[in-house]
């Protein structure tokens, strides 16, 4: 699989559907930090064809790194993960599992005992939801979770959190140096925003 093409194709999907907002100054984040951009993964649902392409890209990524006989279930957390997890499960022919913020699991948690789960999520930012809710709920139900995949990874504190959870973490769209270079080449970013994005990668504080 060409991971660069996958990244660029889905960057264009996000741009087409208004998934990015950029600022010459900053946006306040829920983490208490600030930054020059905001990204919304669920924007891919605005266009049927683009939503289909995003889900297909997600499924293709999973197929490229995990053999289909090495996992039993696709899980997702309330509620934005479900934008991707249920559809990816359908495409891969695997049963979906929905985890609620209160720890409730549909189907029943009992059904997950000794099952191998791949967790599908919308966005990796600070990593608090997988750390505090999704992964504990799965493991407490007796499931094995070794892989978590995100549609978007902001490559921030959540990267370290996934490692601390002993999870292999992959993403369709990594917001790395190449992502900003590509959007700059496409004329999406002006010079100041591009400069701010690159500087924040080096020192977000």
N, C-alpha and C. Protein backbone atom coordinates (compact mmCIF):
# COMPACT_ATOMS: atom_id res chain seq x y z
N UNK A 1 0.84 -1.20 0.00
CA UNK A 1 0.00 0.00 0.00
C UNK A 1 0.87 1.25 0.00
N UNK A 2 0.50 2.22 -0.81
CA UNK A 2 1.20 3.50 -0.86
C UNK A 2 0.62 4.41 0.22
N UNK A 3 1.30 4.49 1.36
CA UNK A 3 0.78 5.25 2.50
C UNK A 3 0.75 6.75 2.22
N UNK A 4 1.70 7.24 1.40
CA UNK A 4 1.71 8.66 1.07
C UNK A 4 0.49 9.02 0.23
N UNK A 5 0.18 8.18 -0.76
CA UNK A 5 -1.01 8.43 -1.58
C UNK A 5 -2.27 8.37 -0.74
N UNK A 6 -2.33 7.40 0.18
CA UNK A 6 -3.48 7.29 1.08
C UNK A 6 -3.64 8.57 1.89
N UNK A 7 -2.54 9.08 2.42
CA UNK A 7 -2.56 10.31 3.20
C UNK A 7 -3.04 11.49 2.35
N UNK A 8 -2.47 11.64 1.17
CA UNK A 8 -2.80 12.78 0.32
C UNK A 8 -4.24 12.72 -0.16
N UNK A 9 -4.71 11.53 -0.55
CA UNK A 9 -6.10 11.38 -1.00
C UNK A 9 -7.06 11.82 0.09
N UNK A 10 -6.77 11.43 1.33
CA UNK A 10 -7.70 11.74 2.42
C UNK A 10 -7.52 13.16 2.94
N UNK A 11 -6.36 13.75 2.77
CA UNK A 11 -6.21 15.19 3.03
C UNK A 11 -7.12 15.97 2.09
N UNK A 12 -7.17 15.56 0.83
CA UNK A 12 -8.05 16.25 -0.13
C UNK A 12 -9.52 16.06 0.24
N UNK A 13 -9.87 14.86 0.71
CA UNK A 13 -11.25 14.63 1.15
C UNK A 13 -11.60 15.58 2.29
N UNK A 14 -10.71 15.70 3.26
CA UNK A 14 -10.97 16.60 4.39
C UNK A 14 -11.10 18.05 3.94
N UNK A 15 -10.23 18.48 3.04
CA UNK A 15 -10.28 19.86 2.56
C UNK A 15 -11.58 20.11 1.81
N UNK A 16 -11.96 19.18 0.92
CA UNK A 16 -13.18 19.35 0.12
C UNK A 16 -14.41 19.49 0.99
N UNK A 17 -14.41 18.85 2.14
CA UNK A 17 -15.60 18.83 2.99
C UNK A 17 -15.50 19.76 4.20
N UNK A 18 -14.54 20.68 4.15
CA UNK A 18 -14.42 21.67 5.23
C UNK A 18 -13.90 21.09 6.52
N UNK A 19 -13.09 20.05 6.44
CA UNK A 19 -12.60 19.41 7.65
C UNK A 19 -11.51 20.18 8.37
N UNK A 20 -10.88 21.12 7.68
CA UNK A 20 -9.83 21.93 8.30
C UNK A 20 -10.28 23.37 8.46
N UNK A 21 -9.86 23.97 9.56
CA UNK A 21 -9.91 25.42 9.73
C UNK A 21 -8.51 25.87 10.13
N UNK A 22 -8.02 26.92 9.49
CA UNK A 22 -6.69 27.44 9.78
C UNK A 22 -6.80 28.89 10.22
N UNK A 23 -5.86 29.30 11.06
CA UNK A 23 -5.88 30.66 11.60
C UNK A 23 -4.48 31.25 11.58
N UNK A 24 -4.40 32.55 11.27
CA UNK A 24 -3.12 33.26 11.36
C UNK A 24 -2.73 33.47 12.83
N UNK A 25 -3.70 33.31 13.73
CA UNK A 25 -3.41 33.46 15.17
C UNK A 25 -3.48 32.07 15.82
N UNK A 26 -4.62 31.72 16.44
CA UNK A 26 -4.70 30.40 17.07
C UNK A 26 -6.14 30.04 17.39
N UNK A 27 -6.35 28.73 17.60
CA UNK A 27 -7.60 28.19 18.14
C UNK A 27 -7.31 27.67 19.54
N UNK A 28 -8.23 27.86 20.49
CA UNK A 28 -8.08 27.20 21.80
C UNK A 28 -8.56 25.76 21.68
N UNK A 29 -7.79 24.83 22.24
CA UNK A 29 -8.15 23.42 22.21
C UNK A 29 -8.72 23.00 23.56
N UNK A 30 -9.50 21.91 23.54
CA UNK A 30 -10.10 21.42 24.78
C UNK A 30 -9.04 20.97 25.77
N UNK A 31 -7.85 20.65 25.28
CA UNK A 31 -6.76 20.23 26.17
C UNK A 31 -6.19 21.38 26.97
N UNK A 32 -6.60 22.63 26.62
CA UNK A 32 -6.05 23.80 27.27
C UNK A 32 -4.90 24.42 26.50
N UNK A 33 -4.46 23.73 25.43
CA UNK A 33 -3.41 24.26 24.59
C UNK A 33 -4.02 25.12 23.48
N UNK A 34 -3.16 25.72 22.67
CA UNK A 34 -3.61 26.48 21.52
C UNK A 34 -2.86 25.99 20.29
N UNK A 35 -3.40 26.27 19.12
CA UNK A 35 -2.75 25.88 17.88
C UNK A 35 -3.35 26.59 16.69
N UNK A 36 -2.64 26.55 15.55
CA UNK A 36 -3.08 27.31 14.37
C UNK A 36 -4.09 26.59 13.48
N UNK A 37 -4.57 25.41 13.90
CA UNK A 37 -5.54 24.72 13.06
C UNK A 37 -6.51 23.92 13.91
N UNK A 38 -7.64 23.61 13.29
CA UNK A 38 -8.65 22.74 13.87
C UNK A 38 -9.03 21.74 12.79
N UNK A 39 -9.21 20.48 13.17
CA UNK A 39 -9.58 19.46 12.19
C UNK A 39 -10.76 18.66 12.73
N UNK A 40 -11.69 18.36 11.83
CA UNK A 40 -12.91 17.65 12.18
C UNK A 40 -13.06 16.45 11.25
N UNK A 41 -12.82 15.26 11.75
CA UNK A 41 -12.83 14.07 10.90
C UNK A 41 -14.22 13.71 10.38
N UNK A 42 -15.26 14.03 11.17
CA UNK A 42 -16.60 13.63 10.75
C UNK A 42 -17.09 14.41 9.53
N UNK A 43 -16.34 15.43 9.12
CA UNK A 43 -16.71 16.20 7.93
C UNK A 43 -16.78 15.33 6.68
N UNK A 44 -16.08 14.19 6.69
CA UNK A 44 -16.07 13.32 5.50
C UNK A 44 -17.46 12.79 5.19
N UNK A 45 -18.38 12.86 6.16
CA UNK A 45 -19.74 12.35 5.95
C UNK A 45 -20.58 13.28 5.09
N UNK A 46 -20.11 14.48 4.82
CA UNK A 46 -20.90 15.47 4.08
C UNK A 46 -21.17 15.04 2.65
N UNK A 47 -20.27 14.26 2.07
CA UNK A 47 -20.40 13.82 0.68
C UNK A 47 -20.36 12.30 0.65
N UNK A 48 -21.38 11.70 0.06
CA UNK A 48 -21.47 10.24 0.07
C UNK A 48 -20.25 9.56 -0.53
N UNK A 49 -19.80 10.06 -1.68
CA UNK A 49 -18.65 9.46 -2.34
C UNK A 49 -17.39 9.58 -1.52
N UNK A 50 -17.20 10.74 -0.90
CA UNK A 50 -16.00 10.94 -0.08
C UNK A 50 -16.06 10.10 1.20
N UNK A 51 -17.24 9.97 1.77
CA UNK A 51 -17.40 9.13 2.96
C UNK A 51 -17.06 7.68 2.62
N UNK A 52 -17.56 7.21 1.49
CA UNK A 52 -17.26 5.86 1.04
C UNK A 52 -15.75 5.68 0.86
N UNK A 53 -15.11 6.68 0.25
CA UNK A 53 -13.67 6.59 0.00
C UNK A 53 -12.87 6.58 1.30
N UNK A 54 -13.30 7.38 2.28
CA UNK A 54 -12.61 7.43 3.57
C UNK A 54 -12.72 6.10 4.30
N UNK A 55 -13.92 5.52 4.29
CA UNK A 55 -14.12 4.21 4.94
C UNK A 55 -13.31 3.13 4.23
N UNK A 56 -13.32 3.17 2.91
CA UNK A 56 -12.55 2.19 2.14
C UNK A 56 -11.06 2.31 2.45
N UNK A 57 -10.57 3.56 2.54
CA UNK A 57 -9.15 3.78 2.87
C UNK A 57 -8.83 3.19 4.24
N UNK A 58 -9.72 3.40 5.19
CA UNK A 58 -9.54 2.87 6.55
C UNK A 58 -9.46 1.34 6.51
N UNK A 59 -10.40 0.73 5.80
CA UNK A 59 -10.43 -0.73 5.71
C UNK A 59 -9.19 -1.26 4.99
N UNK A 60 -8.78 -0.58 3.93
CA UNK A 60 -7.60 -1.00 3.18
C UNK A 60 -6.35 -0.92 4.05
N UNK A 61 -6.27 0.12 4.88
CA UNK A 61 -5.13 0.25 5.79
C UNK A 61 -5.07 -0.92 6.75
N UNK A 62 -6.21 -1.26 7.33
CA UNK A 62 -6.25 -2.40 8.26
C UNK A 62 -5.83 -3.68 7.55
N UNK A 63 -6.36 -3.90 6.36
CA UNK A 63 -6.02 -5.10 5.60
C UNK A 63 -4.53 -5.18 5.28
N UNK A 64 -3.89 -4.02 5.13
CA UNK A 64 -2.49 -4.00 4.73
C UNK A 64 -1.54 -4.30 5.89
N UNK A 65 -2.02 -4.15 7.12
CA UNK A 65 -1.11 -4.33 8.26
C UNK A 65 -1.52 -5.44 9.22
N UNK A 66 -2.78 -5.91 9.13
CA UNK A 66 -3.26 -6.96 10.03
C UNK A 66 -3.98 -8.03 9.19
N UNK A 67 -3.55 -9.26 9.31
CA UNK A 67 -4.23 -10.34 8.60
C UNK A 67 -5.63 -10.53 9.16
N UNK A 68 -6.58 -10.79 8.27
CA UNK A 68 -7.99 -10.83 8.68
C UNK A 68 -8.27 -11.93 9.70
N UNK A 69 -7.43 -12.96 9.73
CA UNK A 69 -7.65 -14.04 10.71
C UNK A 69 -6.97 -13.76 12.05
N UNK A 70 -6.32 -12.59 12.15
CA UNK A 70 -5.63 -12.24 13.40
C UNK A 70 -6.50 -11.39 14.33
N UNK A 71 -7.72 -11.07 13.93
CA UNK A 71 -8.62 -10.34 14.82
C UNK A 71 -10.05 -10.76 14.54
N UNK A 72 -10.90 -10.56 15.56
CA UNK A 72 -12.27 -11.04 15.50
C UNK A 72 -13.30 -9.93 15.40
N UNK A 73 -13.00 -8.76 15.97
CA UNK A 73 -14.00 -7.71 16.18
C UNK A 73 -13.40 -6.34 15.90
N UNK A 74 -14.25 -5.43 15.41
CA UNK A 74 -13.89 -4.01 15.29
C UNK A 74 -14.68 -3.24 16.34
N UNK A 75 -13.98 -2.46 17.17
CA UNK A 75 -14.68 -1.65 18.17
C UNK A 75 -14.52 -0.17 17.88
N UNK A 76 -15.43 0.62 18.46
CA UNK A 76 -15.37 2.07 18.36
C UNK A 76 -16.04 2.68 19.57
N UNK A 77 -15.60 3.89 19.94
CA UNK A 77 -16.13 4.55 21.13
C UNK A 77 -17.12 5.65 20.81
N UNK A 78 -18.02 5.89 21.76
CA UNK A 78 -19.05 6.94 21.62
C UNK A 78 -18.42 8.32 21.46
N UNK A 79 -18.87 9.08 20.50
CA UNK A 79 -19.74 8.66 19.41
C UNK A 79 -19.06 8.87 18.05
N UNK A 80 -18.01 9.68 18.02
CA UNK A 80 -17.41 9.97 16.71
C UNK A 80 -16.64 8.80 16.13
N UNK A 81 -16.14 7.91 16.98
CA UNK A 81 -15.49 6.71 16.43
C UNK A 81 -16.46 5.92 15.57
N UNK A 82 -17.75 5.95 15.95
CA UNK A 82 -18.74 5.15 15.24
C UNK A 82 -18.92 5.60 13.79
N UNK A 83 -18.56 6.84 13.49
CA UNK A 83 -18.59 7.32 12.11
C UNK A 83 -17.79 6.37 11.22
N UNK A 84 -16.70 5.85 11.76
CA UNK A 84 -15.83 4.97 10.99
C UNK A 84 -15.94 3.50 11.39
N UNK A 85 -16.01 3.22 12.68
CA UNK A 85 -15.84 1.83 13.14
C UNK A 85 -16.94 0.90 12.61
N UNK A 86 -18.19 1.33 12.65
CA UNK A 86 -19.27 0.46 12.19
C UNK A 86 -19.17 0.17 10.70
N UNK A 87 -18.85 1.20 9.92
CA UNK A 87 -18.74 1.03 8.47
C UNK A 87 -17.52 0.21 8.09
N UNK A 88 -16.41 0.41 8.79
CA UNK A 88 -15.21 -0.37 8.53
C UNK A 88 -15.46 -1.84 8.86
N UNK A 89 -16.13 -2.10 9.98
CA UNK A 89 -16.46 -3.47 10.35
C UNK A 89 -17.31 -4.14 9.26
N UNK A 90 -18.29 -3.41 8.75
CA UNK A 90 -19.15 -3.93 7.69
C UNK A 90 -18.32 -4.27 6.46
N UNK A 91 -17.41 -3.39 6.09
CA UNK A 91 -16.59 -3.61 4.90
C UNK A 91 -15.65 -4.80 5.06
N UNK A 92 -15.16 -5.00 6.28
CA UNK A 92 -14.22 -6.10 6.52
C UNK A 92 -14.92 -7.41 6.89
N UNK A 93 -16.24 -7.36 7.02
CA UNK A 93 -16.98 -8.57 7.37
C UNK A 93 -16.76 -9.00 8.81
N UNK A 94 -16.51 -8.02 9.69
CA UNK A 94 -16.30 -8.32 11.11
C UNK A 94 -17.43 -7.72 11.93
N UNK A 95 -17.78 -8.33 13.07
CA UNK A 95 -18.83 -7.75 13.91
C UNK A 95 -18.36 -6.46 14.56
N UNK A 96 -19.22 -5.44 14.61
CA UNK A 96 -18.88 -4.19 15.29
C UNK A 96 -19.23 -4.23 16.76
N UNK A 97 -18.45 -3.51 17.54
CA UNK A 97 -18.72 -3.35 18.97
C UNK A 97 -18.76 -1.85 19.26
N UNK A 98 -19.78 -1.41 19.98
CA UNK A 98 -19.95 -0.01 20.33
C UNK A 98 -19.75 0.17 21.82
N UNK A 99 -18.80 1.04 22.19
CA UNK A 99 -18.50 1.30 23.60
C UNK A 99 -19.02 2.68 23.96
N UNK A 100 -19.83 2.74 25.01
CA UNK A 100 -20.38 4.02 25.47
C UNK A 100 -19.45 4.65 26.51
N UNK A 101 -19.61 5.94 26.70
CA UNK A 101 -18.74 6.66 27.63
C UNK A 101 -18.90 6.19 29.07
N UNK A 102 -20.06 5.59 29.38
CA UNK A 102 -20.26 5.06 30.73
C UNK A 102 -19.72 3.64 30.88
N UNK A 103 -19.07 3.11 29.82
CA UNK A 103 -18.50 1.78 29.87
C UNK A 103 -19.40 0.68 29.34
N UNK A 104 -20.65 1.01 29.04
CA UNK A 104 -21.57 0.02 28.47
C UNK A 104 -21.08 -0.41 27.10
N UNK A 105 -21.23 -1.69 26.80
CA UNK A 105 -20.77 -2.24 25.53
C UNK A 105 -21.94 -2.93 24.83
N UNK A 106 -22.09 -2.63 23.54
CA UNK A 106 -23.08 -3.30 22.70
C UNK A 106 -22.35 -3.98 21.54
N UNK A 107 -22.52 -5.30 21.34
CA UNK A 107 -23.28 -6.26 22.15
C UNK A 107 -22.70 -6.38 23.57
N UNK A 108 -23.16 -7.35 24.31
CA UNK A 108 -22.79 -7.47 25.71
C UNK A 108 -21.29 -7.65 25.89
N UNK A 109 -20.79 -7.13 26.99
CA UNK A 109 -19.36 -7.29 27.30
C UNK A 109 -18.97 -8.76 27.39
N UNK A 110 -19.91 -9.62 27.83
CA UNK A 110 -19.63 -11.05 27.94
C UNK A 110 -19.22 -11.66 26.59
N UNK A 111 -19.73 -11.05 25.52
CA UNK A 111 -19.45 -11.59 24.18
C UNK A 111 -18.01 -11.33 23.74
N UNK A 112 -17.27 -10.50 24.48
CA UNK A 112 -15.91 -10.14 24.08
C UNK A 112 -14.84 -11.00 24.74
N UNK A 113 -15.23 -11.87 25.63
CA UNK A 113 -14.24 -12.68 26.34
C UNK A 113 -13.40 -13.48 25.35
N UNK A 114 -12.08 -13.30 25.46
CA UNK A 114 -11.08 -13.98 24.63
C UNK A 114 -11.15 -13.58 23.15
N UNK A 115 -11.85 -12.49 22.82
CA UNK A 115 -11.89 -12.01 21.44
C UNK A 115 -10.71 -11.06 21.20
N UNK A 116 -10.22 -11.08 19.97
CA UNK A 116 -9.13 -10.18 19.56
C UNK A 116 -9.76 -8.98 18.86
N UNK A 117 -9.51 -7.80 19.41
CA UNK A 117 -10.21 -6.59 18.97
C UNK A 117 -9.23 -5.61 18.34
N UNK A 118 -9.67 -5.02 17.22
CA UNK A 118 -8.99 -3.86 16.64
C UNK A 118 -9.89 -2.66 16.90
N UNK A 119 -9.34 -1.64 17.56
CA UNK A 119 -10.14 -0.45 17.85
C UNK A 119 -9.94 0.58 16.75
N UNK A 120 -11.05 1.10 16.24
CA UNK A 120 -11.06 2.10 15.18
C UNK A 120 -11.58 3.41 15.76
N UNK A 121 -10.80 4.48 15.58
CA UNK A 121 -11.15 5.77 16.19
C UNK A 121 -11.03 6.90 15.18
N UNK A 122 -11.65 8.01 15.50
CA UNK A 122 -11.66 9.12 14.55
C UNK A 122 -10.39 9.96 14.60
N UNK A 123 -9.91 10.28 15.82
CA UNK A 123 -8.84 11.27 15.95
C UNK A 123 -7.98 10.96 17.16
N UNK A 124 -6.67 10.98 16.97
CA UNK A 124 -5.76 10.86 18.09
C UNK A 124 -5.20 12.25 18.41
N UNK A 125 -5.54 12.72 19.60
CA UNK A 125 -5.08 14.03 20.05
C UNK A 125 -4.29 13.84 21.34
N UNK A 126 -4.97 13.90 22.47
CA UNK A 126 -4.32 13.68 23.76
C UNK A 126 -4.37 12.22 24.21
N UNK A 127 -5.20 11.43 23.56
CA UNK A 127 -5.28 10.00 23.89
C UNK A 127 -6.05 9.68 25.15
N UNK A 128 -6.82 10.63 25.67
CA UNK A 128 -7.48 10.41 26.96
C UNK A 128 -8.62 9.40 26.88
N UNK A 129 -9.41 9.43 25.81
CA UNK A 129 -10.54 8.50 25.72
C UNK A 129 -10.10 7.05 25.60
N UNK A 130 -9.14 6.72 24.70
CA UNK A 130 -8.66 5.34 24.71
C UNK A 130 -8.05 4.93 26.05
N UNK A 131 -7.29 5.83 26.66
CA UNK A 131 -6.62 5.51 27.93
C UNK A 131 -7.62 5.30 29.07
N UNK A 132 -8.62 6.18 29.15
CA UNK A 132 -9.50 6.19 30.31
C UNK A 132 -10.76 5.34 30.15
N UNK A 133 -11.20 5.14 28.88
CA UNK A 133 -12.50 4.47 28.68
C UNK A 133 -12.41 3.27 27.76
N UNK A 134 -12.06 3.48 26.49
CA UNK A 134 -12.23 2.43 25.48
C UNK A 134 -11.37 1.19 25.75
N UNK A 135 -10.08 1.38 25.94
CA UNK A 135 -9.20 0.22 26.11
C UNK A 135 -9.46 -0.49 27.44
N UNK A 136 -9.62 0.24 28.56
CA UNK A 136 -9.97 -0.47 29.81
C UNK A 136 -11.27 -1.26 29.70
N UNK A 137 -12.29 -0.68 29.03
CA UNK A 137 -13.57 -1.39 28.90
C UNK A 137 -13.39 -2.70 28.15
N UNK A 138 -12.60 -2.67 27.08
CA UNK A 138 -12.38 -3.88 26.29
C UNK A 138 -11.58 -4.92 27.07
N UNK A 139 -10.52 -4.47 27.71
CA UNK A 139 -9.67 -5.41 28.43
C UNK A 139 -10.36 -5.96 29.67
N UNK A 140 -11.15 -5.14 30.32
CA UNK A 140 -11.91 -5.62 31.48
C UNK A 140 -12.96 -6.66 31.09
N UNK A 141 -13.38 -6.59 29.81
CA UNK A 141 -14.36 -7.58 29.31
C UNK A 141 -13.68 -8.87 28.87
N UNK A 142 -12.36 -8.93 28.99
CA UNK A 142 -11.63 -10.15 28.64
C UNK A 142 -11.12 -10.19 27.22
N UNK A 143 -11.21 -9.05 26.51
CA UNK A 143 -10.73 -9.00 25.13
C UNK A 143 -9.24 -8.69 25.09
N UNK A 144 -8.61 -9.07 24.00
CA UNK A 144 -7.23 -8.71 23.73
C UNK A 144 -7.22 -7.57 22.73
N UNK A 145 -6.55 -6.47 23.07
CA UNK A 145 -6.46 -5.31 22.18
C UNK A 145 -4.99 -4.96 21.99
N UNK A 146 -4.52 -5.09 20.78
CA UNK A 146 -3.12 -4.78 20.48
C UNK A 146 -2.97 -3.69 19.42
N UNK A 147 -4.06 -3.39 18.71
CA UNK A 147 -4.01 -2.44 17.61
C UNK A 147 -5.10 -1.39 17.73
N UNK A 148 -4.72 -0.14 17.50
CA UNK A 148 -5.67 0.95 17.42
C UNK A 148 -5.35 1.77 16.18
N UNK A 149 -6.37 2.07 15.40
CA UNK A 149 -6.18 2.82 14.17
C UNK A 149 -7.06 4.06 14.18
N UNK A 150 -6.48 5.17 13.76
CA UNK A 150 -7.17 6.45 13.73
C UNK A 150 -7.35 6.92 12.29
N UNK A 151 -8.44 7.63 12.05
CA UNK A 151 -8.54 8.28 10.73
C UNK A 151 -7.53 9.41 10.65
N UNK A 152 -7.43 10.20 11.73
CA UNK A 152 -6.46 11.30 11.78
C UNK A 152 -5.63 11.18 13.05
N UNK A 153 -4.33 11.36 12.91
CA UNK A 153 -3.45 11.44 14.08
C UNK A 153 -2.76 12.79 14.05
N UNK A 154 -3.01 13.59 15.09
CA UNK A 154 -2.38 14.91 15.17
C UNK A 154 -0.92 14.83 15.60
N UNK A 155 -0.46 13.63 15.97
CA UNK A 155 0.93 13.40 16.37
C UNK A 155 1.31 14.28 17.55
N UNK A 156 0.44 14.28 18.55
CA UNK A 156 0.70 15.05 19.75
C UNK A 156 0.85 14.09 20.93
N UNK A 157 0.38 14.47 22.11
CA UNK A 157 0.62 13.65 23.30
C UNK A 157 0.02 12.26 23.22
N UNK A 158 -1.02 12.12 22.38
CA UNK A 158 -1.65 10.82 22.24
C UNK A 158 -0.73 9.73 21.71
N UNK A 159 0.31 10.11 20.98
CA UNK A 159 1.26 9.11 20.47
C UNK A 159 1.91 8.37 21.63
N UNK A 160 2.38 9.10 22.62
CA UNK A 160 3.00 8.50 23.79
C UNK A 160 2.01 7.70 24.62
N UNK A 161 0.77 8.17 24.68
CA UNK A 161 -0.26 7.45 25.44
C UNK A 161 -0.51 6.08 24.83
N UNK A 162 -0.58 6.00 23.48
CA UNK A 162 -0.79 4.70 22.83
C UNK A 162 0.36 3.74 23.13
N UNK A 163 1.57 4.26 23.16
CA UNK A 163 2.72 3.41 23.51
C UNK A 163 2.62 2.91 24.94
N UNK A 164 2.17 3.80 25.85
CA UNK A 164 2.04 3.39 27.26
C UNK A 164 0.98 2.32 27.43
N UNK A 165 -0.01 2.28 26.53
CA UNK A 165 -1.06 1.26 26.56
C UNK A 165 -0.63 -0.01 25.83
N UNK A 166 0.61 -0.01 25.32
CA UNK A 166 1.17 -1.14 24.57
C UNK A 166 0.31 -1.46 23.34
N UNK A 167 -0.08 -0.38 22.63
CA UNK A 167 -0.87 -0.52 21.42
C UNK A 167 -0.04 -0.14 20.20
N UNK A 168 -0.21 -0.90 19.15
CA UNK A 168 0.31 -0.48 17.85
C UNK A 168 -0.67 0.54 17.30
N UNK A 169 -0.18 1.72 16.96
CA UNK A 169 -1.04 2.80 16.50
C UNK A 169 -0.70 3.19 15.08
N UNK A 170 -1.72 3.24 14.22
CA UNK A 170 -1.55 3.64 12.82
C UNK A 170 -2.66 4.62 12.47
N UNK A 171 -2.48 5.35 11.37
CA UNK A 171 -3.51 6.31 10.97
C UNK A 171 -3.58 6.43 9.46
N UNK A 172 -4.76 6.78 8.97
CA UNK A 172 -4.94 7.07 7.55
C UNK A 172 -4.27 8.40 7.22
N UNK A 173 -4.52 9.41 8.04
CA UNK A 173 -3.96 10.75 7.83
C UNK A 173 -3.12 11.14 9.03
N UNK A 174 -1.81 11.11 8.87
CA UNK A 174 -0.91 11.63 9.90
C UNK A 174 -0.62 13.09 9.58
N UNK A 175 -0.87 13.95 10.55
CA UNK A 175 -0.63 15.39 10.31
C UNK A 175 0.83 15.70 10.63
N UNK A 176 1.69 15.21 9.74
CA UNK A 176 3.13 15.36 9.89
C UNK A 176 3.66 16.43 8.93
N UNK A 177 4.96 16.49 8.83
CA UNK A 177 5.59 17.49 7.97
C UNK A 177 5.12 17.37 6.53
N UNK A 178 5.00 16.13 6.04
CA UNK A 178 4.56 15.96 4.66
C UNK A 178 3.14 16.48 4.44
N UNK A 179 2.26 16.28 5.43
CA UNK A 179 0.88 16.77 5.30
C UNK A 179 0.85 18.27 5.10
N UNK A 180 1.61 19.01 5.90
CA UNK A 180 1.61 20.47 5.78
C UNK A 180 2.30 20.91 4.49
N UNK A 181 3.36 20.21 4.11
CA UNK A 181 4.03 20.52 2.83
C UNK A 181 3.06 20.32 1.67
N UNK A 182 2.32 19.23 1.71
CA UNK A 182 1.38 18.92 0.63
C UNK A 182 0.27 19.96 0.55
N UNK A 183 -0.31 20.33 1.69
CA UNK A 183 -1.37 21.33 1.68
C UNK A 183 -0.84 22.70 1.25
N UNK A 184 0.41 22.98 1.59
CA UNK A 184 1.02 24.22 1.12
C UNK A 184 1.19 24.22 -0.38
N UNK A 185 1.62 23.10 -0.94
CA UNK A 185 1.79 22.98 -2.38
C UNK A 185 0.47 23.09 -3.13
N UNK A 186 -0.61 22.66 -2.47
CA UNK A 186 -1.94 22.72 -3.08
C UNK A 186 -2.59 24.09 -2.95
N UNK A 187 -1.89 25.02 -2.31
CA UNK A 187 -2.41 26.37 -2.15
C UNK A 187 -3.44 26.50 -1.05
N UNK A 188 -3.52 25.51 -0.17
CA UNK A 188 -4.50 25.54 0.92
C UNK A 188 -3.99 26.43 2.07
N UNK A 189 -2.69 26.49 2.26
CA UNK A 189 -2.10 27.24 3.36
C UNK A 189 -1.37 28.46 2.83
N UNK A 190 -1.54 29.58 3.52
CA UNK A 190 -0.71 30.73 3.17
C UNK A 190 0.63 30.61 3.89
N UNK A 191 1.52 31.51 3.57
CA UNK A 191 2.89 31.42 4.09
C UNK A 191 2.94 31.50 5.61
N UNK A 192 2.14 32.38 6.20
CA UNK A 192 2.17 32.55 7.65
C UNK A 192 1.63 31.32 8.37
N UNK A 193 0.51 30.78 7.88
CA UNK A 193 -0.06 29.59 8.51
C UNK A 193 0.90 28.41 8.39
N UNK A 194 1.50 28.25 7.22
CA UNK A 194 2.47 27.17 7.03
C UNK A 194 3.62 27.32 8.02
N UNK A 195 4.12 28.52 8.18
CA UNK A 195 5.21 28.78 9.12
C UNK A 195 4.79 28.43 10.55
N UNK A 196 3.56 28.83 10.92
CA UNK A 196 3.07 28.54 12.27
C UNK A 196 2.93 27.03 12.51
N UNK A 197 2.44 26.32 11.51
CA UNK A 197 2.27 24.87 11.64
C UNK A 197 3.61 24.17 11.82
N UNK A 198 4.60 24.57 11.04
CA UNK A 198 5.92 23.95 11.14
C UNK A 198 6.57 24.28 12.49
N UNK A 199 6.41 25.51 12.94
CA UNK A 199 6.98 25.90 14.23
C UNK A 199 6.33 25.13 15.37
N UNK A 200 5.02 24.91 15.28
CA UNK A 200 4.33 24.19 16.35
C UNK A 200 4.76 22.73 16.40
N UNK A 201 5.09 22.16 15.25
CA UNK A 201 5.59 20.79 15.25
C UNK A 201 6.88 20.67 16.04
N UNK A 202 7.71 21.72 16.00
CA UNK A 202 8.99 21.71 16.69
C UNK A 202 8.84 22.01 18.19
N UNK A 203 7.88 22.87 18.53
CA UNK A 203 7.68 23.24 19.93
C UNK A 203 6.25 23.73 20.10
N UNK A 204 5.34 22.82 20.46
CA UNK A 204 3.93 23.21 20.57
C UNK A 204 3.69 24.08 21.80
N UNK A 205 4.54 24.01 22.80
CA UNK A 205 4.34 24.85 23.98
C UNK A 205 4.70 26.30 23.72
